[in-house]
Amino acid sequence: MNMVETKKLVLTFKNSLGKTTSLTLAKFKEPVDPAKVEAAMVVIAQSQIFITKEGHRKYATPVSARIVTANTDEIVDLIAG
């Protein structure tokens, strides 16, 4: 077996309807600078470029950011042969 560790940066926002929504990034620079992440989230919220087809802002208010780490045990890789 082969264990693979993956990390994702999960940015959590409230949308313009007040519901929680997340933006997940699979690639990000480590170590993460909390001030830069917060600033980026503010820019995302203020840009208003992520709009639903109903016209609601998908990422209206920054809430939190976290790194999620997952460990996966690969049992068989059939493609690699």
N, C-alpha and C. Protein backbone atom coordinates (compact mmCIF):
# COMPACT_ATOMS: atom_id res chain seq x y z
N MET A 1 0.83 -1.19 0.00
CA MET A 1 0.00 0.00 0.00
C MET A 1 0.87 1.24 0.00
N ASN A 2 0.31 2.27 -0.59
CA ASN A 2 1.02 3.54 -0.70
C ASN A 2 0.14 4.65 -0.13
N MET A 3 0.62 5.35 0.91
CA MET A 3 -0.16 6.43 1.49
C MET A 3 0.19 7.75 0.81
N VAL A 4 -0.85 8.47 0.40
CA VAL A 4 -0.68 9.75 -0.26
C VAL A 4 -1.37 10.82 0.59
N GLU A 5 -0.63 11.89 0.90
CA GLU A 5 -1.19 13.00 1.65
C GLU A 5 -1.50 14.15 0.70
N THR A 6 -2.71 14.68 0.77
CA THR A 6 -3.08 15.84 -0.04
C THR A 6 -3.56 16.95 0.88
N LYS A 7 -3.30 18.18 0.46
CA LYS A 7 -3.74 19.35 1.22
C LYS A 7 -4.55 20.26 0.30
N LYS A 8 -5.57 20.85 0.86
CA LYS A 8 -6.39 21.81 0.14
C LYS A 8 -6.61 23.02 1.03
N LEU A 9 -6.63 24.19 0.41
CA LEU A 9 -6.95 25.41 1.13
C LEU A 9 -8.43 25.70 0.88
N VAL A 10 -9.21 25.71 1.94
CA VAL A 10 -10.65 25.91 1.84
C VAL A 10 -11.00 27.29 2.38
N LEU A 11 -11.53 28.13 1.49
CA LEU A 11 -11.94 29.49 1.86
C LEU A 11 -13.46 29.48 2.01
N THR A 12 -13.94 29.88 3.16
CA THR A 12 -15.38 29.85 3.43
C THR A 12 -15.93 31.28 3.45
N PHE A 13 -17.05 31.44 2.77
CA PHE A 13 -17.72 32.73 2.64
C PHE A 13 -19.21 32.55 2.95
N LYS A 14 -19.89 33.66 3.15
CA LYS A 14 -21.35 33.71 3.11
C LYS A 14 -21.70 34.30 1.75
N ASN A 15 -22.72 33.74 1.10
CA ASN A 15 -23.16 34.33 -0.15
C ASN A 15 -24.11 35.49 0.14
N SER A 16 -24.62 36.14 -0.89
CA SER A 16 -25.47 37.31 -0.68
C SER A 16 -26.82 36.96 -0.08
N LEU A 17 -27.13 35.66 0.01
CA LEU A 17 -28.35 35.21 0.67
C LEU A 17 -28.09 34.78 2.11
N GLY A 18 -26.81 34.87 2.55
CA GLY A 18 -26.46 34.51 3.92
C GLY A 18 -26.12 33.04 4.12
N LYS A 19 -26.07 32.28 3.03
CA LYS A 19 -25.74 30.85 3.13
C LYS A 19 -24.23 30.66 3.00
N THR A 20 -23.72 29.63 3.66
CA THR A 20 -22.29 29.33 3.63
C THR A 20 -21.92 28.66 2.31
N THR A 21 -20.81 29.11 1.73
CA THR A 21 -20.29 28.52 0.51
C THR A 21 -18.76 28.51 0.60
N SER A 22 -18.13 27.58 -0.11
CA SER A 22 -16.67 27.44 -0.01
C SER A 22 -16.02 27.47 -1.38
N LEU A 23 -14.81 27.96 -1.39
CA LEU A 23 -13.94 27.95 -2.56
C LEU A 23 -12.73 27.12 -2.16
N THR A 24 -12.48 26.01 -2.87
CA THR A 24 -11.40 25.10 -2.51
C THR A 24 -10.27 25.19 -3.53
N LEU A 25 -9.06 25.38 -3.02
CA LEU A 25 -7.87 25.49 -3.88
C LEU A 25 -6.97 24.28 -3.63
N ALA A 26 -6.68 23.53 -4.68
CA ALA A 26 -5.84 22.35 -4.56
C ALA A 26 -4.36 22.71 -4.55
N LYS A 27 -4.01 23.84 -5.15
CA LYS A 27 -2.62 24.27 -5.19
C LYS A 27 -2.52 25.64 -4.54
N PHE A 28 -1.60 25.75 -3.59
CA PHE A 28 -1.38 27.00 -2.89
C PHE A 28 0.03 27.01 -2.33
N LYS A 29 0.54 28.21 -2.08
CA LYS A 29 1.91 28.37 -1.59
C LYS A 29 1.95 28.19 -0.08
N GLU A 30 2.86 27.34 0.36
CA GLU A 30 3.09 27.15 1.79
C GLU A 30 4.44 27.72 2.17
N PRO A 31 4.62 28.20 3.35
CA PRO A 31 3.62 28.32 4.41
C PRO A 31 2.60 29.39 4.06
N VAL A 32 1.39 29.20 4.52
CA VAL A 32 0.31 30.13 4.24
C VAL A 32 0.42 31.34 5.18
N ASP A 33 0.34 32.51 4.59
CA ASP A 33 0.37 33.76 5.36
C ASP A 33 -1.08 34.17 5.62
N PRO A 34 -1.55 34.08 6.88
CA PRO A 34 -2.95 34.40 7.18
C PRO A 34 -3.38 35.80 6.70
N ALA A 35 -2.51 36.78 6.81
CA ALA A 35 -2.86 38.14 6.38
C ALA A 35 -3.10 38.19 4.87
N LYS A 36 -2.27 37.47 4.11
CA LYS A 36 -2.44 37.46 2.66
C LYS A 36 -3.71 36.70 2.25
N VAL A 37 -4.01 35.63 2.97
CA VAL A 37 -5.24 34.87 2.68
C VAL A 37 -6.45 35.75 2.96
N GLU A 38 -6.43 36.44 4.09
CA GLU A 38 -7.55 37.31 4.43
C GLU A 38 -7.71 38.42 3.39
N ALA A 39 -6.60 39.02 2.98
CA ALA A 39 -6.65 40.08 1.97
C ALA A 39 -7.20 39.55 0.65
N ALA A 40 -6.78 38.35 0.26
CA ALA A 40 -7.27 37.74 -0.98
C ALA A 40 -8.77 37.47 -0.90
N MET A 41 -9.23 37.02 0.26
CA MET A 41 -10.66 36.75 0.43
C MET A 41 -11.47 38.04 0.33
N VAL A 42 -10.95 39.12 0.86
CA VAL A 42 -11.63 40.42 0.77
C VAL A 42 -11.71 40.85 -0.69
N VAL A 43 -10.62 40.68 -1.44
CA VAL A 43 -10.61 41.03 -2.86
C VAL A 43 -11.64 40.19 -3.62
N ILE A 44 -11.69 38.89 -3.33
CA ILE A 44 -12.66 38.00 -3.99
C ILE A 44 -14.08 38.50 -3.70
N ALA A 45 -14.36 38.82 -2.46
CA ALA A 45 -15.70 39.28 -2.07
C ALA A 45 -16.04 40.61 -2.74
N GLN A 46 -15.10 41.53 -2.77
CA GLN A 46 -15.35 42.85 -3.32
C GLN A 46 -15.43 42.85 -4.84
N SER A 47 -14.81 41.87 -5.49
CA SER A 47 -14.76 41.85 -6.96
C SER A 47 -16.12 41.58 -7.58
N GLN A 48 -16.97 40.87 -6.88
CA GLN A 48 -18.30 40.53 -7.36
C GLN A 48 -18.27 39.87 -8.74
N ILE A 49 -17.25 39.06 -9.01
CA ILE A 49 -17.18 38.38 -10.31
C ILE A 49 -17.79 36.98 -10.28
N PHE A 50 -18.05 36.47 -9.09
CA PHE A 50 -18.67 35.15 -8.96
C PHE A 50 -20.15 35.35 -8.65
N ILE A 51 -20.96 35.28 -9.69
CA ILE A 51 -22.38 35.54 -9.58
C ILE A 51 -23.14 34.29 -10.04
N THR A 52 -24.18 33.92 -9.29
CA THR A 52 -25.00 32.78 -9.71
C THR A 52 -25.88 33.21 -10.89
N LYS A 53 -26.47 32.24 -11.56
CA LYS A 53 -27.33 32.59 -12.69
C LYS A 53 -28.58 33.35 -12.25
N GLU A 54 -28.89 33.29 -10.94
CA GLU A 54 -30.01 34.07 -10.41
C GLU A 54 -29.59 35.50 -10.05
N GLY A 55 -28.29 35.80 -10.16
CA GLY A 55 -27.79 37.14 -9.89
C GLY A 55 -27.29 37.38 -8.47
N HIS A 56 -27.13 36.32 -7.69
CA HIS A 56 -26.65 36.46 -6.31
C HIS A 56 -25.12 36.32 -6.27
N ARG A 57 -24.49 37.06 -5.37
CA ARG A 57 -23.04 36.98 -5.20
C ARG A 57 -22.70 35.68 -4.47
N LYS A 58 -21.85 34.86 -5.08
CA LYS A 58 -21.51 33.56 -4.50
C LYS A 58 -20.58 33.71 -3.29
N TYR A 59 -19.64 34.65 -3.34
CA TYR A 59 -18.69 34.87 -2.25
C TYR A 59 -18.81 36.31 -1.78
N ALA A 60 -19.80 36.61 -0.97
CA ALA A 60 -20.09 37.99 -0.57
C ALA A 60 -19.33 38.43 0.67
N THR A 61 -19.21 37.56 1.67
CA THR A 61 -18.59 37.92 2.94
C THR A 61 -17.60 36.85 3.38
N PRO A 62 -16.31 37.19 3.54
CA PRO A 62 -15.34 36.21 4.03
C PRO A 62 -15.68 35.75 5.45
N VAL A 63 -15.52 34.45 5.70
CA VAL A 63 -15.82 33.89 7.01
C VAL A 63 -14.57 33.26 7.64
N SER A 64 -13.94 32.33 6.91
CA SER A 64 -12.78 31.63 7.47
C SER A 64 -11.96 30.98 6.36
N ALA A 65 -10.76 30.56 6.73
CA ALA A 65 -9.90 29.81 5.81
C ALA A 65 -9.23 28.71 6.62
N ARG A 66 -9.08 27.55 5.98
CA ARG A 66 -8.41 26.45 6.67
C ARG A 66 -7.72 25.56 5.66
N ILE A 67 -6.71 24.86 6.13
CA ILE A 67 -6.03 23.85 5.31
C ILE A 67 -6.59 22.51 5.74
N VAL A 68 -7.09 21.76 4.77
CA VAL A 68 -7.63 20.43 5.03
C VAL A 68 -6.63 19.42 4.48
N THR A 69 -6.18 18.53 5.36
CA THR A 69 -5.22 17.50 4.98
C THR A 69 -5.92 16.15 4.97
N ALA A 70 -5.72 15.40 3.88
CA ALA A 70 -6.32 14.06 3.77
C ALA A 70 -5.22 13.06 3.48
N ASN A 71 -5.30 11.93 4.16
CA ASN A 71 -4.39 10.82 3.89
C ASN A 71 -5.18 9.71 3.21
N THR A 72 -4.69 9.28 2.06
CA THR A 72 -5.36 8.25 1.29
C THR A 72 -4.44 7.04 1.15
N ASP A 73 -4.96 5.88 1.50
CA ASP A 73 -4.22 4.63 1.32
C ASP A 73 -4.59 4.05 -0.04
N GLU A 74 -3.62 4.04 -0.93
CA GLU A 74 -3.85 3.48 -2.26
C GLU A 74 -3.61 1.98 -2.16
N ILE A 75 -4.62 1.19 -2.46
CA ILE A 75 -4.51 -0.26 -2.36
C ILE A 75 -4.01 -0.85 -3.68
N VAL A 76 -4.68 -0.48 -4.77
CA VAL A 76 -4.29 -0.99 -6.08
C VAL A 76 -4.41 0.14 -7.08
N ASP A 77 -3.39 0.30 -7.91
CA ASP A 77 -3.43 1.28 -9.00
C ASP A 77 -3.48 0.49 -10.30
N LEU A 78 -4.67 0.32 -10.83
CA LEU A 78 -4.87 -0.53 -12.00
C LEU A 78 -4.32 0.09 -13.27
N ILE A 79 -4.25 1.40 -13.34
CA ILE A 79 -3.77 2.06 -14.55
C ILE A 79 -2.25 1.95 -14.66
N ALA A 80 -1.55 2.10 -13.55
CA ALA A 80 -0.09 2.08 -13.57
C ALA A 80 0.46 0.70 -13.94
N GLY A 81 -0.34 -0.32 -13.68
CA GLY A 81 0.07 -1.68 -14.04
C GLY A 81 1.10 -2.16 -13.14
